[in-house]
């Protein structure tokens, strides 16, 4: 009797039990429903435009997946976006840097901001939550102090190609995101670096006893988080054509929501870039689809919140079944 009961379970393909597969099925169902409710939703132009709009969050979500897999968190990413955007415009206008140099400078600022987070977390052992809350305030304050509430405009036309251009009909920044997503996915799935991230998140003490470079790897992932925030700032400025001190505000919540919805455990040790990609698409398309069907912003937040709760419940159930 027990063998007969277990046979159907064994017959289910392993990939159908994965969180990413269930999430993809839910996404397809949601797209079909929203497409039936509004004929403009599933048009190519609308979908490509949503891809353009979600790129900044997506760029930050890639290294955030690495960070959360290690059992950490980075709440400063939105503030780093604002700081890098200000430093891009400020160095170009006030320091007289050529714009390409200003872009590299802004990326360096992002990298240094992430490096500082990682250095304090690994050397002084400040919990990531506390450290990144502190630097959220610090970096946002620096952006406000440097900008003095002034915006920077008038960038040359070539700069707008990154945020507003397209290649073969596909938005330029979406192509950049897909390339980096592929690189990040391969790095996480097929390299020693990726295996080390999972080992740290599953049991950091055991990873140290296994002679893994725990502190070095954590320093790298926080630095990558800062660099990605700097790149997101450049894409954002290119898209909206201006630099403001409040850029990136609230990004940290959207980024973490996409990563967690994609199945990455907030406690570390599990998660995939592909799940993050599906979570990112689901959040952006739900926002757009609900808006097109006349649902107001507050109700959209409620729907996304319910989706997050269901995602956590599904992930917890699958984890218990695997255990």
C-alpha atoms as a PDB file:
ATOM      1  CA  UNK A   1       0.000   0.000   0.000  1.00  0.00           C
ATOM      2  CA  UNK A   2       2.774   2.381   0.894  1.00  0.00           C
ATOM      3  CA  UNK A   3       4.669   1.580  -2.312  1.00  0.00           C
ATOM      4  CA  UNK A   4       1.586   2.326  -4.374  1.00  0.00           C
ATOM      5  CA  UNK A   5       1.102   5.604  -2.559  1.00  0.00           C
ATOM      6  CA  UNK A   6       4.705   6.640  -3.119  1.00  0.00           C
ATOM      7  CA  UNK A   7       4.792   5.718  -6.820  1.00  0.00           C
ATOM      8  CA  UNK A   8       2.922   8.824  -8.099  1.00  0.00           C
ATOM      9  CA  UNK A   9       5.223  11.086  -6.089  1.00  0.00           C
ATOM     10  CA  UNK A  10       8.264   9.476  -7.672  1.00  0.00           C
ATOM     11  CA  UNK A  11       6.695   9.870 -11.113  1.00  0.00           C
ATOM     12  CA  UNK A  12       6.551  13.672 -10.797  1.00  0.00           C
ATOM     13  CA  UNK A  13       9.537  15.244 -12.620  1.00  0.00           C
ATOM     14  CA  UNK A  14      11.946  16.989 -10.252  1.00  0.00           C
ATOM     15  CA  UNK A  15      11.703  20.291 -12.120  1.00  0.00           C
ATOM     16  CA  UNK A  16       7.955  20.487 -11.416  1.00  0.00           C
ATOM     17  CA  UNK A  17       8.735  20.602  -7.706  1.00  0.00           C
ATOM     18  CA  UNK A  18      11.043  23.617  -7.992  1.00  0.00           C
ATOM     19  CA  UNK A  19       9.915  27.011  -6.728  1.00  0.00           C
ATOM     20  CA  UNK A  20      10.931  28.638 -10.023  1.00  0.00           C
ATOM     21  CA  UNK A  21       8.661  26.297 -12.010  1.00  0.00           C
ATOM     22  CA  UNK A  22       5.642  26.992  -9.805  1.00  0.00           C
ATOM     23  CA  UNK A  23       6.338  30.721  -9.962  1.00  0.00           C
ATOM     24  CA  UNK A  24       6.630  30.603 -13.759  1.00  0.00           C
ATOM     25  CA  UNK A  25       3.277  28.804 -13.988  1.00  0.00           C
ATOM     26  CA  UNK A  26       1.685  31.434 -11.742  1.00  0.00           C
ATOM     27  CA  UNK A  27       3.244  34.171 -13.908  1.00  0.00           C
ATOM     28  CA  UNK A  28       1.811  32.668 -17.112  1.00  0.00           C
ATOM     29  CA  UNK A  29      -1.645  32.394 -15.532  1.00  0.00           C
ATOM     30  CA  UNK A  30      -1.444  35.993 -14.280  1.00  0.00           C
ATOM     31  CA  UNK A  31      -0.327  37.230 -17.710  1.00  0.00           C
ATOM     32  CA  UNK A  32      -3.187  35.418 -19.405  1.00  0.00           C
ATOM     33  CA  UNK A  33      -5.704  36.863 -16.963  1.00  0.00           C
ATOM     34  CA  UNK A  34      -4.384  40.421 -17.218  1.00  0.00           C
ATOM     35  CA  UNK A  35      -4.123  40.113 -20.996  1.00  0.00           C
ATOM     36  CA  UNK A  36      -7.761  39.060 -21.186  1.00  0.00           C
ATOM     37  CA  UNK A  37      -8.745  41.992 -18.969  1.00  0.00           C
ATOM     38  CA  UNK A  38      -6.948  44.600 -21.084  1.00  0.00           C
ATOM     39  CA  UNK A  39      -5.984  44.212 -24.719  1.00  0.00           C
ATOM     40  CA  UNK A  40      -3.055  46.664 -24.424  1.00  0.00           C
ATOM     41  CA  UNK A  41      -1.255  44.591 -21.797  1.00  0.00           C
ATOM     42  CA  UNK A  42       0.236  41.808 -23.924  1.00  0.00           C
ATOM     43  CA  UNK A  43       1.318  44.031 -26.817  1.00  0.00           C
ATOM     44  CA  UNK A  44       4.987  43.919 -27.763  1.00  0.00           C
ATOM     45  CA  UNK A  45       5.431  47.659 -27.185  1.00  0.00           C
ATOM     46  CA  UNK A  46       4.024  47.470 -23.664  1.00  0.00           C
ATOM     47  CA  UNK A  47       6.080  44.440 -22.679  1.00  0.00           C
ATOM     48  CA  UNK A  48       9.299  45.980 -24.005  1.00  0.00           C
ATOM     49  CA  UNK A  49       8.523  49.216 -22.184  1.00  0.00           C
ATOM     50  CA  UNK A  50       8.053  47.283 -18.935  1.00  0.00           C
ATOM     51  CA  UNK A  51      11.410  45.652 -19.577  1.00  0.00           C
ATOM     52  CA  UNK A  52      12.930  49.115 -19.881  1.00  0.00           C
ATOM     53  CA  UNK A  53      11.341  50.231 -16.619  1.00  0.00           C
ATOM     54  CA  UNK A  54      12.407  47.208 -14.572  1.00  0.00           C
ATOM     55  CA  UNK A  55      16.069  47.271 -15.621  1.00  0.00           C
ATOM     56  CA  UNK A  56      17.400  49.369 -12.729  1.00  0.00           C
ATOM     57  CA  UNK A  57      15.778  47.109 -10.137  1.00  0.00           C
ATOM     58  CA  UNK A  58      16.927  44.055 -12.071  1.00  0.00           C
ATOM     59  CA  UNK A  59      20.571  45.152 -12.170  1.00  0.00           C
ATOM     60  CA  UNK A  60      20.645  45.545  -8.383  1.00  0.00           C
ATOM     61  CA  UNK A  61      18.689  42.315  -7.826  1.00  0.00           C
ATOM     62  CA  UNK A  62      21.453  40.183  -9.387  1.00  0.00           C
ATOM     63  CA  UNK A  63      24.134  40.797  -6.713  1.00  0.00           C
ATOM     64  CA  UNK A  64      21.406  41.102  -4.065  1.00  0.00           C
ATOM     65  CA  UNK A  65      20.629  37.448  -4.814  1.00  0.00           C
ATOM     66  CA  UNK A  66      24.268  36.643  -4.024  1.00  0.00           C
ATOM     67  CA  UNK A  67      24.124  38.690  -0.816  1.00  0.00           C
ATOM     68  CA  UNK A  68      20.931  37.051   0.457  1.00  0.00           C
ATOM     69  CA  UNK A  69      22.162  33.557  -0.422  1.00  0.00           C
ATOM     70  CA  UNK A  70      25.088  34.169   1.948  1.00  0.00           C
ATOM     71  CA  UNK A  71      22.584  35.025   4.684  1.00  0.00           C
ATOM     72  CA  UNK A  72      23.182  38.776   4.432  1.00  0.00           C
ATOM     73  CA  UNK A  73      21.156  41.785   3.332  1.00  0.00           C
ATOM     74  CA  UNK A  74      21.931  45.162   1.754  1.00  0.00           C
ATOM     75  CA  UNK A  75      19.428  47.888   2.547  1.00  0.00           C
ATOM     76  CA  UNK A  76      21.704  50.675   1.313  1.00  0.00           C
ATOM     77  CA  UNK A  77      21.337  49.997  -2.426  1.00  0.00           C
ATOM     78  CA  UNK A  78      18.724  52.697  -3.028  1.00  0.00           C
ATOM     79  CA  UNK A  79      20.851  55.299  -1.242  1.00  0.00           C
ATOM     80  CA  UNK A  80      23.909  54.199  -3.257  1.00  0.00           C
ATOM     81  CA  UNK A  81      21.898  54.758  -6.463  1.00  0.00           C
ATOM     82  CA  UNK A  82      21.109  58.299  -5.324  1.00  0.00           C
ATOM     83  CA  UNK A  83      24.719  58.994  -4.318  1.00  0.00           C
ATOM     84  CA  UNK A  84      26.144  57.649  -7.591  1.00  0.00           C
ATOM     85  CA  UNK A  85      23.624  59.638  -9.637  1.00  0.00           C
ATOM     86  CA  UNK A  86      24.605  62.830  -7.812  1.00  0.00           C
ATOM     87  CA  UNK A  87      28.319  62.111  -8.197  1.00  0.00           C
ATOM     88  CA  UNK A  88      27.834  61.497 -11.924  1.00  0.00           C
ATOM     89  CA  UNK A  89      26.213  64.889 -12.461  1.00  0.00           C
ATOM     90  CA  UNK A  90      28.340  66.751  -9.888  1.00  0.00           C
ATOM     91  CA  UNK A  91      31.677  65.493 -11.229  1.00  0.00           C
ATOM     92  CA  UNK A  92      30.628  66.337 -14.794  1.00  0.00           C
ATOM     93  CA  UNK A  93      29.303  69.821 -14.048  1.00  0.00           C
ATOM     94  CA  UNK A  94      31.403  70.954 -11.077  1.00  0.00           C
ATOM     95  CA  UNK A  95      34.666  69.016 -11.373  1.00  0.00           C
ATOM     96  CA  UNK A  96      34.759  69.397 -15.139  1.00  0.00           C
ATOM     97  CA  UNK A  97      35.253  65.689 -15.766  1.00  0.00           C
ATOM     98  CA  UNK A  98      34.547  64.498 -19.318  1.00  0.00           C
ATOM     99  CA  UNK A  99      31.302  62.547 -19.164  1.00  0.00           C
ATOM    100  CA  UNK A 100      32.938  59.127 -19.797  1.00  0.00           C
ATOM    101  CA  UNK A 101      35.306  59.818 -16.873  1.00  0.00           C
ATOM    102  CA  UNK A 102      32.353  60.950 -14.751  1.00  0.00           C
ATOM    103  CA  UNK A 103      30.587  57.651 -15.525  1.00  0.00           C
ATOM    104  CA  UNK A 104      33.622  55.643 -14.398  1.00  0.00           C
ATOM    105  CA  UNK A 105      33.870  57.851 -11.302  1.00  0.00           C
ATOM    106  CA  UNK A 106      30.215  57.199 -10.414  1.00  0.00           C
ATOM    107  CA  UNK A 107      30.751  53.445 -10.813  1.00  0.00           C
ATOM    108  CA  UNK A 108      33.825  53.685  -8.566  1.00  0.00           C
ATOM    109  CA  UNK A 109      31.798  55.517  -5.916  1.00  0.00           C
ATOM    110  CA  UNK A 110      29.257  52.688  -5.981  1.00  0.00           C
ATOM    111  CA  UNK A 111      31.977  50.071  -5.708  1.00  0.00           C
ATOM    112  CA  UNK A 112      33.614  51.870  -2.770  1.00  0.00           C
ATOM    113  CA  UNK A 113      30.247  52.243  -1.020  1.00  0.00           C
ATOM    114  CA  UNK A 114      29.626  48.500  -1.319  1.00  0.00           C
ATOM    115  CA  UNK A 115      33.210  47.729  -0.295  1.00  0.00           C
ATOM    116  CA  UNK A 116      32.801  49.793   2.889  1.00  0.00           C
ATOM    117  CA  UNK A 117      29.663  47.802   3.741  1.00  0.00           C
ATOM    118  CA  UNK A 118      31.458  44.514   3.195  1.00  0.00           C
ATOM    119  CA  UNK A 119      34.602  45.587   5.035  1.00  0.00           C
ATOM    120  CA  UNK A 120      32.795  46.589   8.210  1.00  0.00           C
ATOM    121  CA  UNK A 121      30.549  43.500   8.074  1.00  0.00           C
ATOM    122  CA  UNK A 122      33.469  41.093   7.661  1.00  0.00           C
ATOM    123  CA  UNK A 123      36.172  42.786   9.763  1.00  0.00           C
ATOM    124  CA  UNK A 124      34.240  44.364  12.620  1.00  0.00           C
ATOM    125  CA  UNK A 125      31.442  41.767  12.493  1.00  0.00           C
ATOM    126  CA  UNK A 126      28.623  44.300  12.464  1.00  0.00           C
ATOM    127  CA  UNK A 127      25.399  42.504  11.403  1.00  0.00           C
ATOM    128  CA  UNK A 128      24.537  43.281   7.748  1.00  0.00           C
ATOM    129  CA  UNK A 129      21.078  44.580   8.691  1.00  0.00           C
ATOM    130  CA  UNK A 130      22.497  47.140  11.130  1.00  0.00           C
ATOM    131  CA  UNK A 131      25.403  48.136   8.912  1.00  0.00           C
ATOM    132  CA  UNK A 132      23.374  48.711   5.777  1.00  0.00           C
ATOM    133  CA  UNK A 133      20.651  50.611   7.625  1.00  0.00           C
ATOM    134  CA  UNK A 134      23.397  52.922   8.894  1.00  0.00           C
ATOM    135  CA  UNK A 135      24.941  53.384   5.458  1.00  0.00           C
ATOM    136  CA  UNK A 136      21.490  53.885   3.938  1.00  0.00           C
ATOM    137  CA  UNK A 137      21.220  57.021   6.067  1.00  0.00           C
ATOM    138  CA  UNK A 138      24.874  57.965   5.481  1.00  0.00           C
ATOM    139  CA  UNK A 139      24.841  57.664   1.689  1.00  0.00           C
ATOM    140  CA  UNK A 140      21.464  59.355   1.360  1.00  0.00           C
ATOM    141  CA  UNK A 141      22.688  62.191   3.562  1.00  0.00           C
ATOM    142  CA  UNK A 142      25.836  62.570   1.463  1.00  0.00           C
ATOM    143  CA  UNK A 143      23.743  62.737  -1.717  1.00  0.00           C
ATOM    144  CA  UNK A 144      21.533  65.447  -0.232  1.00  0.00           C
ATOM    145  CA  UNK A 145      24.473  67.405   1.173  1.00  0.00           C
ATOM    146  CA  UNK A 146      26.478  67.343  -2.058  1.00  0.00           C
ATOM    147  CA  UNK A 147      23.562  68.193  -4.337  1.00  0.00           C
ATOM    148  CA  UNK A 148      22.060  70.921  -2.146  1.00  0.00           C
ATOM    149  CA  UNK A 149      18.709  70.034  -3.770  1.00  0.00           C
ATOM    150  CA  UNK A 150      20.019  71.028  -7.215  1.00  0.00           C
ATOM    151  CA  UNK A 151      19.470  68.800 -10.236  1.00  0.00           C
ATOM    152  CA  UNK A 152      21.788  68.345 -13.215  1.00  0.00           C
ATOM    153  CA  UNK A 153      20.467  68.363 -16.765  1.00  0.00           C
ATOM    154  CA  UNK A 154      21.698  68.875 -20.310  1.00  0.00           C
ATOM    155  CA  UNK A 155      23.636  65.660 -20.881  1.00  0.00           C
ATOM    156  CA  UNK A 156      24.871  65.045 -24.459  1.00  0.00           C
ATOM    157  CA  UNK A 157      22.639  63.046 -26.775  1.00  0.00           C
ATOM    158  CA  UNK A 158      24.925  60.011 -26.954  1.00  0.00           C
ATOM    159  CA  UNK A 159      24.483  59.481 -23.221  1.00  0.00           C
ATOM    160  CA  UNK A 160      20.755  58.858 -23.649  1.00  0.00           C
ATOM    161  CA  UNK A 161      21.335  55.795 -25.849  1.00  0.00           C
ATOM    162  CA  UNK A 162      21.811  53.624 -22.755  1.00  0.00           C
ATOM    163  CA  UNK A 163      18.522  54.605 -21.130  1.00  0.00           C
ATOM    164  CA  UNK A 164      16.341  55.457 -24.110  1.00  0.00           C
ATOM    165  CA  UNK A 165      17.847  53.728 -27.137  1.00  0.00           C
ATOM    166  CA  UNK A 166      17.193  50.282 -28.571  1.00  0.00           C
ATOM    167  CA  UNK A 167      18.978  47.630 -30.583  1.00  0.00           C
ATOM    168  CA  UNK A 168      16.910  45.658 -33.097  1.00  0.00           C
ATOM    169  CA  UNK A 169      13.807  46.976 -31.355  1.00  0.00           C
ATOM    170  CA  UNK A 170      14.893  45.830 -27.882  1.00  0.00           C
ATOM    171  CA  UNK A 171      15.686  48.517 -25.252  1.00  0.00           C
ATOM    172  CA  UNK A 172      19.446  48.928 -24.797  1.00  0.00           C
ATOM    173  CA  UNK A 173      19.384  48.605 -21.017  1.00  0.00           C
ATOM    174  CA  UNK A 174      17.266  45.443 -21.230  1.00  0.00           C
ATOM    175  CA  UNK A 175      19.961  43.841 -23.394  1.00  0.00           C
ATOM    176  CA  UNK A 176      22.568  44.844 -20.795  1.00  0.00           C
ATOM    177  CA  UNK A 177      20.399  43.322 -18.052  1.00  0.00           C
ATOM    178  CA  UNK A 178      19.928  40.038 -19.927  1.00  0.00           C
ATOM    179  CA  UNK A 179      23.669  39.704 -20.582  1.00  0.00           C
ATOM    180  CA  UNK A 180      24.543  40.356 -16.939  1.00  0.00           C
ATOM    181  CA  UNK A 181      21.738  38.027 -15.832  1.00  0.00           C
ATOM    182  CA  UNK A 182      23.221  35.226 -17.932  1.00  0.00           C
ATOM    183  CA  UNK A 183      26.702  35.881 -16.526  1.00  0.00           C
ATOM    184  CA  UNK A 184      25.399  35.969 -12.940  1.00  0.00           C
ATOM    185  CA  UNK A 185      23.341  32.819 -13.459  1.00  0.00           C
ATOM    186  CA  UNK A 186      26.284  30.847 -14.836  1.00  0.00           C
ATOM    187  CA  UNK A 187      28.544  32.158 -12.051  1.00  0.00           C
ATOM    188  CA  UNK A 188      26.076  31.026  -9.397  1.00  0.00           C
ATOM    189  CA  UNK A 189      25.263  27.636 -10.951  1.00  0.00           C
ATOM    190  CA  UNK A 190      28.548  26.548 -12.514  1.00  0.00           C
ATOM    191  CA  UNK A 191      31.479  28.028 -10.588  1.00  0.00           C
ATOM    192  CA  UNK A 192      33.309  27.524  -7.309  1.00  0.00           C
ATOM    193  CA  UNK A 193      32.305  31.057  -6.389  1.00  0.00           C
ATOM    194  CA  UNK A 194      28.634  30.107  -6.611  1.00  0.00           C
ATOM    195  CA  UNK A 195      29.110  26.915  -4.597  1.00  0.00           C
ATOM    196  CA  UNK A 196      30.909  28.961  -1.949  1.00  0.00           C
ATOM    197  CA  UNK A 197      27.955  31.349  -1.659  1.00  0.00           C
ATOM    198  CA  UNK A 198      25.597  28.447  -0.964  1.00  0.00           C
ATOM    199  CA  UNK A 199      28.011  26.935   1.549  1.00  0.00           C
ATOM    200  CA  UNK A 200      28.304  30.225   3.455  1.00  0.00           C
ATOM    201  CA  UNK A 201      24.540  30.684   3.574  1.00  0.00           C
ATOM    202  CA  UNK A 202      23.861  27.101   4.642  1.00  0.00           C
ATOM    203  CA  UNK A 203      26.443  27.038   7.447  1.00  0.00           C
ATOM    204  CA  UNK A 204      29.047  29.779   7.703  1.00  0.00           C
ATOM    205  CA  UNK A 205      30.947  28.059  10.507  1.00  0.00           C
ATOM    206  CA  UNK A 206      31.247  24.839   8.515  1.00  0.00           C
ATOM    207  CA  UNK A 207      32.353  26.865   5.476  1.00  0.00           C
ATOM    208  CA  UNK A 208      35.174  28.408   7.528  1.00  0.00           C
ATOM    209  CA  UNK A 209      36.279  24.987   8.797  1.00  0.00           C
ATOM    210  CA  UNK A 210      36.278  23.824   5.165  1.00  0.00           C
ATOM    211  CA  UNK A 211      38.947  26.470   4.445  1.00  0.00           C
ATOM    212  CA  UNK A 212      36.634  28.554   2.246  1.00  0.00           C
ATOM    213  CA  UNK A 213      37.451  32.278   1.934  1.00  0.00           C
ATOM    214  CA  UNK A 214      34.251  33.364   3.658  1.00  0.00           C
ATOM    215  CA  UNK A 215      35.217  36.975   4.415  1.00  0.00           C
ATOM    216  CA  UNK A 216      36.745  37.538   0.997  1.00  0.00           C
ATOM    217  CA  UNK A 217      33.682  36.196  -0.809  1.00  0.00           C
ATOM    218  CA  UNK A 218      31.315  38.291   1.320  1.00  0.00           C
ATOM    219  CA  UNK A 219      33.456  41.360   0.639  1.00  0.00           C
ATOM    220  CA  UNK A 220      33.201  40.649  -3.098  1.00  0.00           C
ATOM    221  CA  UNK A 221      29.399  40.278  -3.099  1.00  0.00           C
ATOM    222  CA  UNK A 222      28.824  43.534  -1.192  1.00  0.00           C
ATOM    223  CA  UNK A 223      31.213  45.326  -3.537  1.00  0.00           C
ATOM    224  CA  UNK A 224      29.323  43.898  -6.512  1.00  0.00           C
ATOM    225  CA  UNK A 225      26.096  45.161  -4.932  1.00  0.00           C
ATOM    226  CA  UNK A 226      27.550  48.673  -4.818  1.00  0.00           C
ATOM    227  CA  UNK A 227      28.830  48.454  -8.396  1.00  0.00           C
ATOM    228  CA  UNK A 228      25.434  47.275  -9.645  1.00  0.00           C
ATOM    229  CA  UNK A 229      23.781  50.191  -7.831  1.00  0.00           C
ATOM    230  CA  UNK A 230      26.205  52.559  -9.559  1.00  0.00           C
ATOM    231  CA  UNK A 231      25.387  51.049 -12.950  1.00  0.00           C
ATOM    232  CA  UNK A 232      21.661  51.294 -12.167  1.00  0.00           C
ATOM    233  CA  UNK A 233      22.156  54.982 -11.324  1.00  0.00           C
ATOM    234  CA  UNK A 234      23.783  55.648 -14.711  1.00  0.00           C
ATOM    235  CA  UNK A 235      20.998  53.825 -16.562  1.00  0.00           C
ATOM    236  CA  UNK A 236      18.361  55.705 -14.553  1.00  0.00           C
ATOM    237  CA  UNK A 237      19.907  59.126 -15.235  1.00  0.00           C
ATOM    238  CA  UNK A 238      20.171  58.254 -18.918  1.00  0.00           C
ATOM    239  CA  UNK A 239      16.501  57.236 -18.986  1.00  0.00           C
ATOM    240  CA  UNK A 240      15.011  60.226 -17.125  1.00  0.00           C
ATOM    241  CA  UNK A 241      17.583  62.774 -18.473  1.00  0.00           C
ATOM    242  CA  UNK A 242      18.215  64.427 -15.112  1.00  0.00           C
ATOM    243  CA  UNK A 243      20.017  63.830 -11.820  1.00  0.00           C
ATOM    244  CA  UNK A 244      18.207  64.307  -8.495  1.00  0.00           C
ATOM    245  CA  UNK A 245      19.172  63.513  -4.914  1.00  0.00           C
ATOM    246  CA  UNK A 246      16.052  61.369  -4.306  1.00  0.00           C
ATOM    247  CA  UNK A 247      16.863  58.879  -7.064  1.00  0.00           C
ATOM    248  CA  UNK A 248      16.714  55.262  -5.965  1.00  0.00           C
ATOM    249  CA  UNK A 249      14.520  55.972  -2.951  1.00  0.00           C
ATOM    250  CA  UNK A 250      12.652  52.794  -2.005  1.00  0.00           C
ATOM    251  CA  UNK A 251      14.589  50.636  -4.475  1.00  0.00           C
ATOM    252  CA  UNK A 252      15.851  48.374  -1.698  1.00  0.00           C
ATOM    253  CA  UNK A 253      12.320  47.137  -0.970  1.00  0.00           C
ATOM    254  CA  UNK A 254      11.538  46.392  -4.631  1.00  0.00           C
ATOM    255  CA  UNK A 255      14.859  44.604  -5.075  1.00  0.00           C
ATOM    256  CA  UNK A 256      14.463  42.420  -1.986  1.00  0.00           C
ATOM    257  CA  UNK A 257      10.841  41.680  -2.933  1.00  0.00           C
ATOM    258  CA  UNK A 258      11.924  40.444  -6.385  1.00  0.00           C
ATOM    259  CA  UNK A 259      14.692  38.265  -4.929  1.00  0.00           C
ATOM    260  CA  UNK A 260      12.539  36.733  -2.183  1.00  0.00           C
ATOM    261  CA  UNK A 261       9.580  36.229  -4.518  1.00  0.00           C
ATOM    262  CA  UNK A 262      11.957  34.388  -6.820  1.00  0.00           C
ATOM    263  CA  UNK A 263      12.579  31.780  -4.130  1.00  0.00           C
ATOM    264  CA  UNK A 264      15.827  32.955  -2.521  1.00  0.00           C
ATOM    265  CA  UNK A 265      15.642  32.146   1.183  1.00  0.00           C
ATOM    266  CA  UNK A 266      15.991  35.197   3.394  1.00  0.00           C
ATOM    267  CA  UNK A 267      17.882  32.925   5.819  1.00  0.00           C
ATOM    268  CA  UNK A 268      20.485  32.084   3.173  1.00  0.00           C
ATOM    269  CA  UNK A 269      21.675  28.883   1.558  1.00  0.00           C
ATOM    270  CA  UNK A 270      19.256  28.659  -1.379  1.00  0.00           C
ATOM    271  CA  UNK A 271      18.134  30.665  -4.379  1.00  0.00           C
ATOM    272  CA  UNK A 272      18.787  31.141  -8.107  1.00  0.00           C
ATOM    273  CA  UNK A 273      19.257  34.006 -10.528  1.00  0.00           C
ATOM    274  CA  UNK A 274      16.546  32.493 -12.736  1.00  0.00           C
ATOM    275  CA  UNK A 275      14.061  32.643  -9.863  1.00  0.00           C
ATOM    276  CA  UNK A 276      15.007  36.280  -9.269  1.00  0.00           C
ATOM    277  CA  UNK A 277      14.379  37.008 -12.962  1.00  0.00           C
ATOM    278  CA  UNK A 278      10.888  35.495 -12.758  1.00  0.00           C
ATOM    279  CA  UNK A 279      10.149  37.361  -9.511  1.00  0.00           C
ATOM    280  CA  UNK A 280      11.314  40.622 -11.081  1.00  0.00           C
ATOM    281  CA  UNK A 281       9.117  40.111 -14.140  1.00  0.00           C
ATOM    282  CA  UNK A 282       6.125  39.149 -12.019  1.00  0.00           C
ATOM    283  CA  UNK A 283       6.290  42.274  -9.846  1.00  0.00           C
ATOM    284  CA  UNK A 284       6.740  44.662 -12.791  1.00  0.00           C
ATOM    285  CA  UNK A 285       4.051  43.049 -14.940  1.00  0.00           C
ATOM    286  CA  UNK A 286       1.597  42.841 -12.050  1.00  0.00           C
ATOM    287  CA  UNK A 287       2.070  46.558 -11.398  1.00  0.00           C
ATOM    288  CA  UNK A 288       1.542  47.384 -15.059  1.00  0.00           C
ATOM    289  CA  UNK A 289      -1.315  44.957 -15.673  1.00  0.00           C
ATOM    290  CA  UNK A 290      -3.246  46.024 -12.596  1.00  0.00           C
ATOM    291  CA  UNK A 291      -2.742  49.701 -13.469  1.00  0.00           C
ATOM    292  CA  UNK A 292      -4.072  49.128 -16.995  1.00  0.00           C
ATOM    293  CA  UNK A 293      -7.159  47.382 -15.612  1.00  0.00           C
ATOM    294  CA  UNK A 294      -7.913  50.366 -13.383  1.00  0.00           C
ATOM    295  CA  UNK A 295      -6.611  49.048 -10.057  1.00  0.00           C
ATOM    296  CA  UNK A 296      -5.258  51.879  -7.905  1.00  0.00           C
ATOM    297  CA  UNK A 297      -1.731  51.968  -6.513  1.00  0.00           C
ATOM    298  CA  UNK A 298      -2.635  50.961  -2.945  1.00  0.00           C
ATOM    299  CA  UNK A 299      -4.464  47.859  -4.144  1.00  0.00           C
ATOM    300  CA  UNK A 300      -1.473  46.946  -6.318  1.00  0.00           C
ATOM    301  CA  UNK A 301       0.782  47.002  -3.255  1.00  0.00           C
ATOM    302  CA  UNK A 302      -1.668  44.696  -1.458  1.00  0.00           C
ATOM    303  CA  UNK A 303      -1.651  42.229  -4.363  1.00  0.00           C
ATOM    304  CA  UNK A 304       2.153  42.187  -4.480  1.00  0.00           C
ATOM    305  CA  UNK A 305       2.246  41.710  -0.694  1.00  0.00           C
ATOM    306  CA  UNK A 306      -0.089  38.723  -0.954  1.00  0.00           C
ATOM    307  CA  UNK A 307       2.079  37.312  -3.760  1.00  0.00           C
ATOM    308  CA  UNK A 308       5.159  37.640  -1.523  1.00  0.00           C
ATOM    309  CA  UNK A 309       3.455  35.872   1.374  1.00  0.00           C
ATOM    310  CA  UNK A 310       2.313  33.034  -0.896  1.00  0.00           C
ATOM    311  CA  UNK A 311       5.822  32.787  -2.317  1.00  0.00           C
ATOM    312  CA  UNK A 312       7.346  32.437   1.153  1.00  0.00           C
ATOM    313  CA  UNK A 313       4.763  29.798   2.098  1.00  0.00           C
ATOM    314  CA  UNK A 314       5.443  27.820  -1.085  1.00  0.00           C
ATOM    315  CA  UNK A 315       9.217  28.051  -0.564  1.00  0.00           C
ATOM    316  CA  UNK A 316       8.894  26.907   3.056  1.00  0.00           C
ATOM    317  CA  UNK A 317       6.669  23.987   2.042  1.00  0.00           C
ATOM    318  CA  UNK A 318       9.080  22.870  -0.675  1.00  0.00           C
ATOM    319  CA  UNK A 319      12.027  23.154   1.723  1.00  0.00           C
ATOM    320  CA  UNK A 320      10.262  20.962   4.295  1.00  0.00           C
ATOM    321  CA  UNK A 321       9.491  18.360   1.632  1.00  0.00           C
ATOM    322  CA  UNK A 322      13.137  18.337   0.513  1.00  0.00           C
ATOM    323  CA  UNK A 323      14.328  18.011   4.111  1.00  0.00           C
END
